[in-house]
Amino acid sequence: MSEISAGGVHVGRGRLWAGRIISALPVLGLVFSAVGKLRGQAEVMEMFTGHFGYPQQTLTIIGVLELSCAVLYAIPQTAVLGAILMTGYLGGAVATHVRVSETAWVFAAVLGTLAWLGLYLRDPRLGELLPLRRLPSARTGGNP
């Protein structure tokens, strides 16, 4: 069987697995980052409180939000909600890095892009919502 049903719509096995692999990257990135914040690692605390200027008590809240976004995104039934929340979270990360003139904002932007690309590949229903259109083929209208 080369196709799998995803919500009543068939998706190729290769496309599904490519989407799953690409989707794993933002999940792993957010989980890794959240664990550092929740464990209160000294280098993470110094970066967020000293370099970025966040109050120390916000690190736990940010870590929980980050972990929540990753979990919601990883569950197929809540993946779209997770992608939306992850996009918002990563937008804040981009703004934080840009505010202190760091080029690391690119990493957060790439993670957000990978999240949507992975979701697009593993859930074909998302293609109906996005404004991506195929060009009409030369063989339209019954012409040979």
C-alpha atoms as a PDB file:
ATOM      1  CA  MET A   1       0.000   0.000   0.000  1.00  0.00           C
ATOM      2  CA  SER A   2       1.598   3.278  -1.099  1.00  0.00           C
ATOM      3  CA  GLU A   3      -1.092   5.624   0.214  1.00  0.00           C
ATOM      4  CA  ILE A   4      -2.424   6.225   3.689  1.00  0.00           C
ATOM      5  CA  SER A   5      -5.709   7.857   4.636  1.00  0.00           C
ATOM      6  CA  ALA A   6      -5.389  11.054   6.673  1.00  0.00           C
ATOM      7  CA  GLY A   7      -8.810  12.316   7.673  1.00  0.00           C
ATOM      8  CA  GLY A   8     -10.483  10.781   4.614  1.00  0.00           C
ATOM      9  CA  VAL A   9      -7.859  12.171   2.211  1.00  0.00           C
ATOM     10  CA  HIS A  10      -5.160   9.904   0.839  1.00  0.00           C
ATOM     11  CA  VAL A  11      -1.516  10.877   1.153  1.00  0.00           C
ATOM     12  CA  GLY A  12       1.478   9.023  -0.235  1.00  0.00           C
ATOM     13  CA  ARG A  13       3.573   7.088   2.242  1.00  0.00           C
ATOM     14  CA  GLY A  14       6.748   8.975   1.235  1.00  0.00           C
ATOM     15  CA  ARG A  15       5.081  12.359   1.664  1.00  0.00           C
ATOM     16  CA  LEU A  16       3.667  11.331   5.035  1.00  0.00           C
ATOM     17  CA  TRP A  17       7.055  10.180   6.345  1.00  0.00           C
ATOM     18  CA  ALA A  18       8.815  13.268   4.971  1.00  0.00           C
ATOM     19  CA  GLY A  19       6.253  15.376   6.827  1.00  0.00           C
ATOM     20  CA  ARG A  20       6.746  13.425  10.034  1.00  0.00           C
ATOM     21  CA  ILE A  21      10.535  13.749   9.873  1.00  0.00           C
ATOM     22  CA  ILE A  22      10.393  17.474   9.092  1.00  0.00           C
ATOM     23  CA  SER A  23       7.795  17.956  11.856  1.00  0.00           C
ATOM     24  CA  ALA A  24      10.074  16.259  14.373  1.00  0.00           C
ATOM     25  CA  LEU A  25      12.703  18.999  14.001  1.00  0.00           C
ATOM     26  CA  PRO A  26      10.665  21.876  15.505  1.00  0.00           C
ATOM     27  CA  VAL A  27       9.274  19.547  18.175  1.00  0.00           C
ATOM     28  CA  LEU A  28      12.774  18.501  19.222  1.00  0.00           C
ATOM     29  CA  GLY A  29      13.991  22.103  19.133  1.00  0.00           C
ATOM     30  CA  LEU A  30      11.180  23.345  21.358  1.00  0.00           C
ATOM     31  CA  VAL A  31      11.430  20.414  23.780  1.00  0.00           C
ATOM     32  CA  PHE A  32      15.196  20.875  24.107  1.00  0.00           C
ATOM     33  CA  SER A  33      14.760  24.603  24.732  1.00  0.00           C
ATOM     34  CA  ALA A  34      11.905  24.060  27.212  1.00  0.00           C
ATOM     35  CA  VAL A  35      13.902  21.525  29.235  1.00  0.00           C
ATOM     36  CA  GLY A  36      16.737  24.021  29.589  1.00  0.00           C
ATOM     37  CA  LYS A  37      14.340  26.640  30.903  1.00  0.00           C
ATOM     38  CA  LEU A  38      12.459  24.285  33.228  1.00  0.00           C
ATOM     39  CA  ARG A  39      15.655  22.847  34.693  1.00  0.00           C
ATOM     40  CA  GLY A  40      16.899  26.355  35.422  1.00  0.00           C
ATOM     41  CA  GLN A  41      20.314  25.786  33.878  1.00  0.00           C
ATOM     42  CA  ALA A  42      22.737  28.563  34.795  1.00  0.00           C
ATOM     43  CA  GLU A  43      23.696  29.463  31.210  1.00  0.00           C
ATOM     44  CA  VAL A  44      20.029  29.631  30.174  1.00  0.00           C
ATOM     45  CA  MET A  45      19.178  31.792  33.193  1.00  0.00           C
ATOM     46  CA  GLU A  46      22.047  34.172  32.457  1.00  0.00           C
ATOM     47  CA  MET A  47      21.133  34.477  28.784  1.00  0.00           C
ATOM     48  CA  PHE A  48      17.443  35.177  29.448  1.00  0.00           C
ATOM     49  CA  THR A  49      17.821  37.442  32.462  1.00  0.00           C
ATOM     50  CA  GLY A  50      21.061  39.210  31.558  1.00  0.00           C
ATOM     51  CA  HIS A  51      21.265  39.258  27.783  1.00  0.00           C
ATOM     52  CA  PHE A  52      17.570  39.284  26.840  1.00  0.00           C
ATOM     53  CA  GLY A  53      16.319  41.108  29.946  1.00  0.00           C
ATOM     54  CA  TYR A  54      13.493  38.747  30.920  1.00  0.00           C
ATOM     55  CA  PRO A  55      12.617  38.486  34.622  1.00  0.00           C
ATOM     56  CA  GLN A  56      13.782  35.193  36.156  1.00  0.00           C
ATOM     57  CA  GLN A  57      10.260  34.134  37.200  1.00  0.00           C
ATOM     58  CA  THR A  58       9.087  34.137  33.562  1.00  0.00           C
ATOM     59  CA  LEU A  59      11.421  31.314  32.511  1.00  0.00           C
ATOM     60  CA  THR A  60       9.185  28.580  33.945  1.00  0.00           C
ATOM     61  CA  ILE A  61       6.101  30.036  32.254  1.00  0.00           C
ATOM     62  CA  ILE A  62       7.931  30.361  28.938  1.00  0.00           C
ATOM     63  CA  GLY A  63       9.235  26.786  29.251  1.00  0.00           C
ATOM     64  CA  VAL A  64       5.749  25.417  29.942  1.00  0.00           C
ATOM     65  CA  LEU A  65       4.322  27.357  26.981  1.00  0.00           C
ATOM     66  CA  GLU A  66       7.094  26.075  24.746  1.00  0.00           C
ATOM     67  CA  LEU A  67       6.514  22.476  25.840  1.00  0.00           C
ATOM     68  CA  SER A  68       2.738  22.878  25.408  1.00  0.00           C
ATOM     69  CA  CYS A  69       3.185  24.116  21.830  1.00  0.00           C
ATOM     70  CA  ALA A  70       5.422  21.149  21.014  1.00  0.00           C
ATOM     71  CA  VAL A  71       2.986  18.610  22.512  1.00  0.00           C
ATOM     72  CA  LEU A  72      -0.060  20.098  20.775  1.00  0.00           C
ATOM     73  CA  TYR A  73       1.806  20.137  17.468  1.00  0.00           C
ATOM     74  CA  ALA A  74       2.971  16.527  17.834  1.00  0.00           C
ATOM     75  CA  ILE A  75      -0.565  15.176  18.368  1.00  0.00           C
ATOM     76  CA  PRO A  76      -2.243  14.763  14.944  1.00  0.00           C
ATOM     77  CA  GLN A  77      -5.689  15.863  16.171  1.00  0.00           C
ATOM     78  CA  THR A  78      -4.328  19.157  17.559  1.00  0.00           C
ATOM     79  CA  ALA A  79      -1.443  19.716  15.132  1.00  0.00           C
ATOM     80  CA  VAL A  80      -2.967  22.758  13.412  1.00  0.00           C
ATOM     81  CA  LEU A  81      -3.628  24.466  16.758  1.00  0.00           C
ATOM     82  CA  GLY A  82      -0.096  23.532  17.815  1.00  0.00           C
ATOM     83  CA  ALA A  83       1.345  24.996  14.603  1.00  0.00           C
ATOM     84  CA  ILE A  84      -0.548  28.254  15.135  1.00  0.00           C
ATOM     85  CA  LEU A  85       0.619  28.530  18.748  1.00  0.00           C
ATOM     86  CA  MET A  86       4.162  27.527  17.786  1.00  0.00           C
ATOM     87  CA  THR A  87       4.195  30.234  15.117  1.00  0.00           C
ATOM     88  CA  GLY A  88       3.182  32.827  17.698  1.00  0.00           C
ATOM     89  CA  TYR A  89       5.794  31.605  20.161  1.00  0.00           C
ATOM     90  CA  LEU A  90       8.544  31.564  17.536  1.00  0.00           C
ATOM     91  CA  GLY A  91       7.509  35.034  16.384  1.00  0.00           C
ATOM     92  CA  GLY A  92       8.258  36.222  19.912  1.00  0.00           C
ATOM     93  CA  ALA A  93      11.623  34.451  19.754  1.00  0.00           C
ATOM     94  CA  VAL A  94      12.404  36.232  16.485  1.00  0.00           C
ATOM     95  CA  ALA A  95      11.465  39.579  18.037  1.00  0.00           C
ATOM     96  CA  THR A  96      13.615  38.878  21.106  1.00  0.00           C
ATOM     97  CA  HIS A  97      16.695  38.096  19.009  1.00  0.00           C
ATOM     98  CA  VAL A  98      16.158  41.045  16.664  1.00  0.00           C
ATOM     99  CA  ARG A  99      15.749  43.389  19.658  1.00  0.00           C
ATOM    100  CA  VAL A 100      19.270  42.532  20.878  1.00  0.00           C
ATOM    101  CA  SER A 101      20.714  42.591  17.319  1.00  0.00           C
ATOM    102  CA  GLU A 102      21.382  38.853  17.077  1.00  0.00           C
ATOM    103  CA  THR A 103      21.208  36.911  13.855  1.00  0.00           C
ATOM    104  CA  ALA A 104      19.959  33.831  15.748  1.00  0.00           C
ATOM    105  CA  TRP A 105      16.420  34.952  14.833  1.00  0.00           C
ATOM    106  CA  VAL A 106      16.916  32.958  11.626  1.00  0.00           C
ATOM    107  CA  PHE A 107      16.855  29.704  13.629  1.00  0.00           C
ATOM    108  CA  ALA A 108      13.419  30.496  15.087  1.00  0.00           C
ATOM    109  CA  ALA A 109      12.102  31.555  11.670  1.00  0.00           C
ATOM    110  CA  VAL A 110      13.372  28.329  10.098  1.00  0.00           C
ATOM    111  CA  LEU A 111      11.760  26.234  12.857  1.00  0.00           C
ATOM    112  CA  GLY A 112       8.428  27.941  12.209  1.00  0.00           C
ATOM    113  CA  THR A 113       8.742  27.333   8.482  1.00  0.00           C
ATOM    114  CA  LEU A 114       9.627  23.675   9.066  1.00  0.00           C
ATOM    115  CA  ALA A 115       6.620  23.281  11.362  1.00  0.00           C
ATOM    116  CA  TRP A 116       4.231  24.409   8.625  1.00  0.00           C
ATOM    117  CA  LEU A 117       6.045  22.498   5.874  1.00  0.00           C
ATOM    118  CA  GLY A 118       5.937  19.304   7.937  1.00  0.00           C
ATOM    119  CA  LEU A 119       2.255  19.775   8.688  1.00  0.00           C
ATOM    120  CA  TYR A 120       1.511  20.552   5.030  1.00  0.00           C
ATOM    121  CA  LEU A 121       3.197  17.314   3.962  1.00  0.00           C
ATOM    122  CA  ARG A 122       1.558  15.077   6.556  1.00  0.00           C
ATOM    123  CA  ASP A 123      -1.964  16.529   6.354  1.00  0.00           C
ATOM    124  CA  PRO A 124      -3.176  17.047   2.783  1.00  0.00           C
ATOM    125  CA  ARG A 125      -6.298  18.881   3.995  1.00  0.00           C
ATOM    126  CA  LEU A 126      -4.046  21.822   4.817  1.00  0.00           C
ATOM    127  CA  GLY A 127      -3.417  22.268   1.100  1.00  0.00           C
ATOM    128  CA  GLU A 128      -7.060  23.231   0.664  1.00  0.00           C
ATOM    129  CA  LEU A 129      -6.600  26.124   3.091  1.00  0.00           C
ATOM    130  CA  LEU A 130      -3.340  27.519   1.736  1.00  0.00           C
ATOM    131  CA  PRO A 131      -3.282  29.794  -1.294  1.00  0.00           C
ATOM    132  CA  LEU A 132      -0.906  27.530  -3.208  1.00  0.00           C
ATOM    133  CA  ARG A 133      -2.308  26.786  -6.651  1.00  0.00           C
ATOM    134  CA  ARG A 134      -1.068  24.641  -9.474  1.00  0.00           C
ATOM    135  CA  LEU A 135      -0.697  26.211 -12.882  1.00  0.00           C
ATOM    136  CA  PRO A 136      -3.137  24.845 -15.419  1.00  0.00           C
ATOM    137  CA  SER A 137      -1.605  22.191 -17.586  1.00  0.00           C
ATOM    138  CA  ALA A 138      -1.261  22.558 -21.348  1.00  0.00           C
ATOM    139  CA  ARG A 139      -3.864  19.782 -21.686  1.00  0.00           C
ATOM    140  CA  THR A 140      -6.930  21.572 -20.338  1.00  0.00           C
ATOM    141  CA  GLY A 141     -10.286  21.821 -21.975  1.00  0.00           C
ATOM    142  CA  GLY A 142     -10.058  18.442 -23.704  1.00  0.00           C
ATOM    143  CA  ASN A 143      -7.362  19.456 -26.179  1.00  0.00           C
ATOM    144  CA  PRO A 144      -4.905  16.677 -27.074  1.00  0.00           C
END
